N, C-alpha and C. Protein backbone atom coordinates (compact mmCIF):
# COMPACT_ATOMS: atom_id res chain seq x y z
N GLN A 1 88.36 72.87 106.82
CA GLN A 1 87.59 73.81 105.85
C GLN A 1 88.25 74.78 105.35
N VAL A 2 87.68 75.13 104.03
CA VAL A 2 88.23 76.30 103.25
C VAL A 2 87.70 77.63 103.48
N GLN A 3 88.59 78.66 103.63
CA GLN A 3 87.99 79.79 103.78
C GLN A 3 89.04 80.96 103.29
N LEU A 4 88.73 82.37 103.13
CA LEU A 4 89.25 83.23 102.62
C LEU A 4 89.38 84.23 103.77
N VAL A 5 90.68 84.68 104.22
CA VAL A 5 90.80 85.58 105.23
C VAL A 5 91.64 86.97 104.57
N GLU A 6 90.96 88.22 104.98
CA GLU A 6 91.25 89.23 104.19
C GLU A 6 91.92 90.19 105.42
N SER A 7 93.02 91.09 104.93
CA SER A 7 93.60 91.82 105.65
C SER A 7 94.02 93.36 104.98
N GLY A 8 94.43 94.32 105.63
CA GLY A 8 95.00 95.42 104.89
C GLY A 8 94.13 96.43 105.01
N GLY A 9 92.93 96.49 105.07
CA GLY A 9 91.83 97.70 105.04
C GLY A 9 92.28 98.64 106.15
N GLY A 10 91.80 99.81 105.83
CA GLY A 10 92.01 101.15 106.83
C GLY A 10 91.60 102.13 106.49
N MET A 11 91.84 103.37 106.87
CA MET A 11 91.45 104.81 106.45
C MET A 11 92.63 105.64 106.24
N VAL A 12 92.69 106.14 105.07
CA VAL A 12 93.81 106.91 104.43
C VAL A 12 93.28 108.06 103.68
N GLN A 13 94.14 109.23 103.46
CA GLN A 13 93.75 110.38 102.82
C GLN A 13 93.76 110.10 101.23
N ALA A 14 92.98 110.95 100.51
CA ALA A 14 93.06 110.96 99.13
C ALA A 14 94.46 110.94 98.60
N GLY A 15 94.68 110.22 97.63
CA GLY A 15 96.18 110.07 97.17
C GLY A 15 97.04 109.19 97.80
N GLY A 16 96.58 108.45 99.04
CA GLY A 16 97.44 107.51 99.85
C GLY A 16 97.03 106.08 99.12
N SER A 17 97.81 105.10 99.80
CA SER A 17 97.83 103.86 99.30
C SER A 17 97.59 102.69 100.46
N LEU A 18 96.98 101.72 99.94
CA LEU A 18 96.74 100.46 100.65
C LEU A 18 96.94 99.17 100.05
N ARG A 19 97.44 98.36 100.78
CA ARG A 19 97.48 96.92 100.24
C ARG A 19 96.82 95.81 101.02
N LEU A 20 95.76 95.35 100.16
CA LEU A 20 95.04 94.38 100.75
C LEU A 20 95.58 93.00 100.41
N SER A 21 95.37 92.04 101.34
CA SER A 21 95.76 90.67 101.22
C SER A 21 94.50 89.76 101.45
N CYS A 22 94.84 88.59 100.73
CA CYS A 22 93.69 87.48 100.99
C CYS A 22 94.30 86.31 100.81
N ALA A 23 94.30 85.52 101.91
CA ALA A 23 94.71 84.26 101.88
C ALA A 23 93.81 82.96 101.86
N ALA A 24 93.80 82.26 100.84
CA ALA A 24 93.05 81.07 101.08
C ALA A 24 93.54 79.80 101.86
N SER A 25 92.92 79.38 102.79
CA SER A 25 93.30 78.28 103.52
C SER A 25 92.39 77.07 103.58
N GLY A 26 93.16 75.81 103.75
CA GLY A 26 92.36 74.54 103.84
C GLY A 26 92.64 73.69 102.73
N SER A 27 92.07 72.74 102.41
CA SER A 27 92.51 71.74 101.33
C SER A 27 91.77 71.91 100.04
N ILE A 28 92.59 72.75 99.31
CA ILE A 28 92.34 73.25 98.09
C ILE A 28 92.89 72.28 97.05
N PHE A 29 91.93 71.99 96.29
CA PHE A 29 92.47 71.42 94.90
C PHE A 29 92.90 72.30 93.68
N SER A 30 91.99 73.10 93.43
CA SER A 30 92.48 74.14 92.36
C SER A 30 91.52 75.34 92.82
N ILE A 31 92.33 76.40 92.08
CA ILE A 31 91.65 77.81 92.03
C ILE A 31 91.48 78.18 90.70
N ASN A 32 90.06 78.48 90.26
CA ASN A 32 89.83 78.84 88.99
C ASN A 32 90.00 80.07 88.79
N ALA A 33 89.64 80.94 89.66
CA ALA A 33 89.71 82.55 89.62
C ALA A 33 89.72 82.75 90.80
N MET A 34 90.30 84.15 91.08
CA MET A 34 90.50 84.83 92.16
C MET A 34 90.49 86.25 92.09
N GLY A 35 89.87 87.14 92.94
CA GLY A 35 89.83 88.71 92.55
C GLY A 35 89.27 89.29 93.88
N TRP A 36 88.89 90.67 93.54
CA TRP A 36 88.48 91.50 94.45
C TRP A 36 87.07 92.34 93.93
N TYR A 37 86.34 92.39 94.83
CA TYR A 37 85.04 93.01 94.63
C TYR A 37 84.82 94.15 95.85
N ARG A 38 84.05 94.93 95.37
CA ARG A 38 83.70 96.11 96.61
C ARG A 38 82.45 96.47 96.47
N GLN A 39 81.86 97.12 97.67
CA GLN A 39 80.47 97.41 97.72
C GLN A 39 80.50 98.65 98.57
N ALA A 40 79.78 99.72 98.04
CA ALA A 40 79.62 100.77 98.77
C ALA A 40 78.05 100.82 99.28
N PRO A 41 77.83 101.61 100.35
CA PRO A 41 76.55 101.60 100.85
C PRO A 41 75.41 102.00 99.76
N GLY A 42 74.28 101.20 99.71
CA GLY A 42 73.28 101.77 98.71
C GLY A 42 73.53 101.04 97.43
N LYS A 43 74.96 100.59 97.11
CA LYS A 43 75.10 100.22 95.69
C LYS A 43 75.36 98.60 95.55
N GLN A 44 75.34 98.09 94.39
CA GLN A 44 75.64 96.63 94.18
C GLN A 44 77.22 96.57 94.04
N ARG A 45 77.55 95.30 94.63
CA ARG A 45 78.77 94.76 94.65
C ARG A 45 79.31 94.71 93.10
N GLU A 46 80.44 95.25 93.10
CA GLU A 46 81.28 95.30 91.66
C GLU A 46 82.55 94.66 91.83
N LEU A 47 82.94 94.05 90.59
CA LEU A 47 84.15 93.74 90.42
C LEU A 47 85.17 94.63 90.25
N VAL A 48 86.45 94.66 91.01
CA VAL A 48 87.19 95.55 91.17
C VAL A 48 88.42 95.22 90.25
N ALA A 49 89.06 93.86 90.36
CA ALA A 49 90.05 93.39 89.89
C ALA A 49 90.09 91.89 89.98
N ALA A 50 90.63 91.04 88.99
CA ALA A 50 90.58 89.68 89.08
C ALA A 50 91.67 88.92 88.26
N PHE A 51 92.04 87.80 88.58
CA PHE A 51 92.62 87.11 87.65
C PHE A 51 91.62 86.21 87.09
N ILE A 52 91.46 86.15 85.80
CA ILE A 52 90.53 85.58 84.87
C ILE A 52 90.96 84.42 84.46
N SER A 53 92.15 84.19 84.18
CA SER A 53 92.70 82.83 83.63
C SER A 53 94.31 82.96 84.14
N ASP A 54 95.01 82.02 83.67
CA ASP A 54 96.39 82.01 83.71
C ASP A 54 97.43 83.19 83.59
N THR A 55 96.86 83.98 82.64
CA THR A 55 97.60 84.79 81.99
C THR A 55 96.96 86.10 81.76
N GLU A 56 95.50 86.17 82.10
CA GLU A 56 94.72 87.39 82.04
C GLU A 56 94.35 88.11 83.28
N THR A 57 94.36 89.26 83.37
CA THR A 57 93.60 90.18 84.43
C THR A 57 92.67 90.94 84.08
N TYR A 58 91.78 91.44 84.90
CA TYR A 58 90.88 92.46 84.66
C TYR A 58 90.78 93.47 85.45
N TYR A 59 90.55 94.67 85.21
CA TYR A 59 90.53 95.88 86.10
C TYR A 59 89.22 96.69 85.71
N ARG A 60 88.53 97.08 86.32
CA ARG A 60 87.46 98.16 85.99
C ARG A 60 87.90 99.18 85.47
N ASP A 61 87.46 99.90 84.71
CA ASP A 61 87.96 101.19 84.13
C ASP A 61 88.60 102.38 85.28
N SER A 62 87.69 102.47 86.24
CA SER A 62 87.99 103.36 87.00
C SER A 62 89.08 103.13 88.11
N VAL A 63 89.48 101.92 87.99
CA VAL A 63 90.88 101.93 88.85
C VAL A 63 92.20 101.49 87.89
N LYS A 64 91.85 101.48 86.93
CA LYS A 64 93.10 101.20 85.95
C LYS A 64 94.15 102.03 86.15
N GLY A 65 95.42 101.83 86.05
CA GLY A 65 96.42 102.58 86.39
C GLY A 65 96.64 102.91 87.81
N ARG A 66 95.87 102.68 88.70
CA ARG A 66 96.03 102.84 90.29
C ARG A 66 96.16 101.75 90.96
N PHE A 67 95.61 100.59 90.47
CA PHE A 67 95.22 99.59 91.34
C PHE A 67 96.07 98.38 90.79
N THR A 68 96.80 97.33 91.30
CA THR A 68 97.48 96.30 90.81
C THR A 68 96.97 94.97 91.54
N ILE A 69 96.69 93.95 90.67
CA ILE A 69 96.34 92.73 91.47
C ILE A 69 97.67 91.81 91.28
N SER A 70 98.00 91.21 92.33
CA SER A 70 99.15 90.07 92.16
C SER A 70 98.86 88.92 92.96
N ARG A 71 99.76 87.95 92.81
CA ARG A 71 99.43 86.68 93.62
C ARG A 71 100.68 86.21 94.09
N ASP A 72 100.67 85.17 95.19
CA ASP A 72 101.63 84.43 95.52
C ASP A 72 101.01 82.93 95.32
N ASN A 73 101.23 82.30 94.27
CA ASN A 73 100.51 81.00 94.23
C ASN A 73 101.03 80.01 95.35
N ALA A 74 102.40 80.10 95.81
CA ALA A 74 102.67 78.98 96.90
C ALA A 74 102.13 79.38 98.19
N LYS A 75 101.60 80.46 98.45
CA LYS A 75 100.90 80.83 99.57
C LYS A 75 99.19 81.03 99.34
N ASN A 76 98.99 80.68 98.24
CA ASN A 76 97.38 80.84 97.91
C ASN A 76 96.77 82.07 98.28
N THR A 77 97.53 83.28 98.12
CA THR A 77 97.20 84.56 98.54
C THR A 77 97.13 85.29 97.29
N VAL A 78 96.20 86.31 97.22
CA VAL A 78 96.08 87.38 96.15
C VAL A 78 96.26 88.73 96.91
N TYR A 79 96.84 89.82 96.39
CA TYR A 79 96.77 91.10 97.00
C TYR A 79 96.33 92.06 95.90
N LEU A 80 95.99 93.23 96.49
CA LEU A 80 95.33 94.32 95.72
C LEU A 80 96.35 95.70 96.43
N GLN A 81 97.24 95.99 95.43
CA GLN A 81 97.84 97.17 95.67
C GLN A 81 97.05 98.57 95.16
N MET A 82 96.71 99.43 96.22
CA MET A 82 95.79 100.46 95.92
C MET A 82 96.60 101.63 95.86
N ASN A 83 96.82 102.39 94.91
CA ASN A 83 97.65 103.86 94.95
C ASN A 83 96.59 104.94 94.39
N SER A 84 97.01 106.02 94.74
CA SER A 84 96.23 107.34 94.54
C SER A 84 94.95 107.12 94.67
N LEU A 85 94.48 106.76 95.85
CA LEU A 85 93.28 106.32 96.29
C LEU A 85 92.57 107.66 96.10
N LYS A 86 91.02 107.46 95.96
CA LYS A 86 90.19 108.38 95.77
C LYS A 86 88.99 108.23 96.85
N PRO A 87 88.21 109.25 97.24
CA PRO A 87 87.12 109.14 98.13
C PRO A 87 86.00 108.10 97.62
N GLU A 88 86.14 108.14 96.10
CA GLU A 88 85.03 107.14 95.51
C GLU A 88 85.35 105.76 95.63
N ASP A 89 86.57 105.51 96.00
CA ASP A 89 87.07 104.15 96.40
C ASP A 89 86.59 103.41 97.62
N THR A 90 85.98 104.57 98.57
CA THR A 90 85.47 104.15 99.73
C THR A 90 84.43 103.06 99.70
N ALA A 91 84.74 101.91 100.28
CA ALA A 91 83.75 100.84 100.12
C ALA A 91 84.37 99.46 100.97
N VAL A 92 83.40 98.75 101.29
CA VAL A 92 83.92 97.19 101.63
C VAL A 92 84.40 96.47 100.76
N TYR A 93 85.68 95.95 100.94
CA TYR A 93 86.36 95.40 99.66
C TYR A 93 86.34 93.86 100.01
N TYR A 94 85.81 92.75 99.15
CA TYR A 94 85.78 91.41 99.36
C TYR A 94 86.44 90.64 98.54
N CYS A 95 87.40 89.70 99.08
CA CYS A 95 87.99 88.71 98.40
C CYS A 95 86.88 87.79 97.67
N HIS A 96 87.24 87.23 96.49
CA HIS A 96 86.52 86.32 96.06
C HIS A 96 87.45 85.16 95.47
N ALA A 97 86.99 83.83 95.41
CA ALA A 97 87.64 82.87 94.76
C ALA A 97 86.71 81.66 94.37
N ASN A 98 86.93 81.39 93.09
CA ASN A 98 86.26 80.35 92.69
C ASN A 98 87.11 78.89 92.73
N MET A 99 86.70 77.92 93.67
CA MET A 99 87.63 76.88 94.02
C MET A 99 87.03 75.55 94.05
N VAL A 100 87.97 74.61 93.75
CA VAL A 100 87.53 73.01 94.27
C VAL A 100 88.28 72.62 95.23
N VAL A 101 87.55 72.17 96.44
CA VAL A 101 88.34 71.57 97.49
C VAL A 101 88.72 70.14 97.22
N VAL A 102 89.59 69.68 97.84
CA VAL A 102 90.21 68.35 97.94
C VAL A 102 88.93 67.37 98.04
N GLY A 103 88.70 66.49 97.13
CA GLY A 103 87.70 65.46 97.06
C GLY A 103 86.30 66.08 96.72
N GLY A 104 86.38 67.43 96.39
CA GLY A 104 85.15 68.01 95.53
C GLY A 104 84.92 67.55 94.22
N ARG A 105 83.42 67.82 94.21
CA ARG A 105 82.82 67.23 92.87
C ARG A 105 82.86 68.29 91.73
N ARG A 106 82.78 69.68 92.43
CA ARG A 106 82.54 70.82 91.42
C ARG A 106 83.23 71.96 92.11
N ALA A 107 83.49 73.08 91.51
CA ALA A 107 83.95 74.43 92.12
C ALA A 107 82.87 75.11 92.60
N TYR A 108 82.96 75.86 93.59
CA TYR A 108 82.16 76.91 94.25
C TYR A 108 82.89 78.19 94.40
N ASP A 109 81.89 79.29 94.65
CA ASP A 109 82.22 80.37 95.13
C ASP A 109 82.52 80.58 96.49
N TYR A 110 83.76 80.93 96.80
CA TYR A 110 84.04 81.48 98.34
C TYR A 110 84.09 83.10 98.27
N TRP A 111 83.89 83.68 99.65
CA TRP A 111 83.83 85.02 99.85
C TRP A 111 84.66 85.29 101.35
N GLY A 112 85.63 86.08 101.17
CA GLY A 112 86.04 86.64 102.54
C GLY A 112 85.30 87.52 103.14
N GLN A 113 85.66 87.87 104.60
CA GLN A 113 84.65 88.60 105.30
C GLN A 113 84.55 90.04 104.96
N GLY A 114 85.32 90.57 104.24
CA GLY A 114 85.21 91.94 103.84
C GLY A 114 86.08 92.74 104.64
N THR A 115 86.94 93.86 104.22
CA THR A 115 87.64 94.63 104.80
C THR A 115 87.23 96.06 104.30
N GLN A 116 87.22 97.16 105.40
CA GLN A 116 86.61 98.42 105.25
C GLN A 116 87.79 99.21 104.58
N VAL A 117 87.54 99.96 103.47
CA VAL A 117 88.50 100.84 102.91
C VAL A 117 87.84 102.24 102.98
N THR A 118 88.56 103.16 103.77
CA THR A 118 87.71 104.62 103.74
C THR A 118 88.99 105.53 103.15
N VAL A 119 88.30 106.22 102.25
CA VAL A 119 89.44 107.32 101.86
C VAL A 119 88.85 108.82 102.07
N SER A 120 89.57 109.53 102.85
CA SER A 120 88.92 110.84 103.19
C SER A 120 89.67 111.90 102.18
N SER A 121 88.71 112.91 102.13
CA SER A 121 89.35 114.13 101.10
C SER A 121 90.08 115.18 102.10
């Protein structure tokens, strides 16, 4: 079975840093897109950063210059380096991937279990 396993969340003070990791495991044929969403209590889940093509990345305006998405294709792993964290970054962060499994007929969306990021002031 294919799954996304996240790690790296925690609690930091404002101005601190965290690095989130998400590893896709299983029989994966291809990954069309991979990125990070977050959801704060009472709010909709929002896209934070993503690889949207082989050469393009996306960042929402509020994290530009502070967050960096990267990947290790050999490990099927995506990272989110978060610097200069602010209290408003507090949320559950979810890894997301659009993938085709080996033998699959089409791509599906997969989600990690979520990892809590709490930034105190």
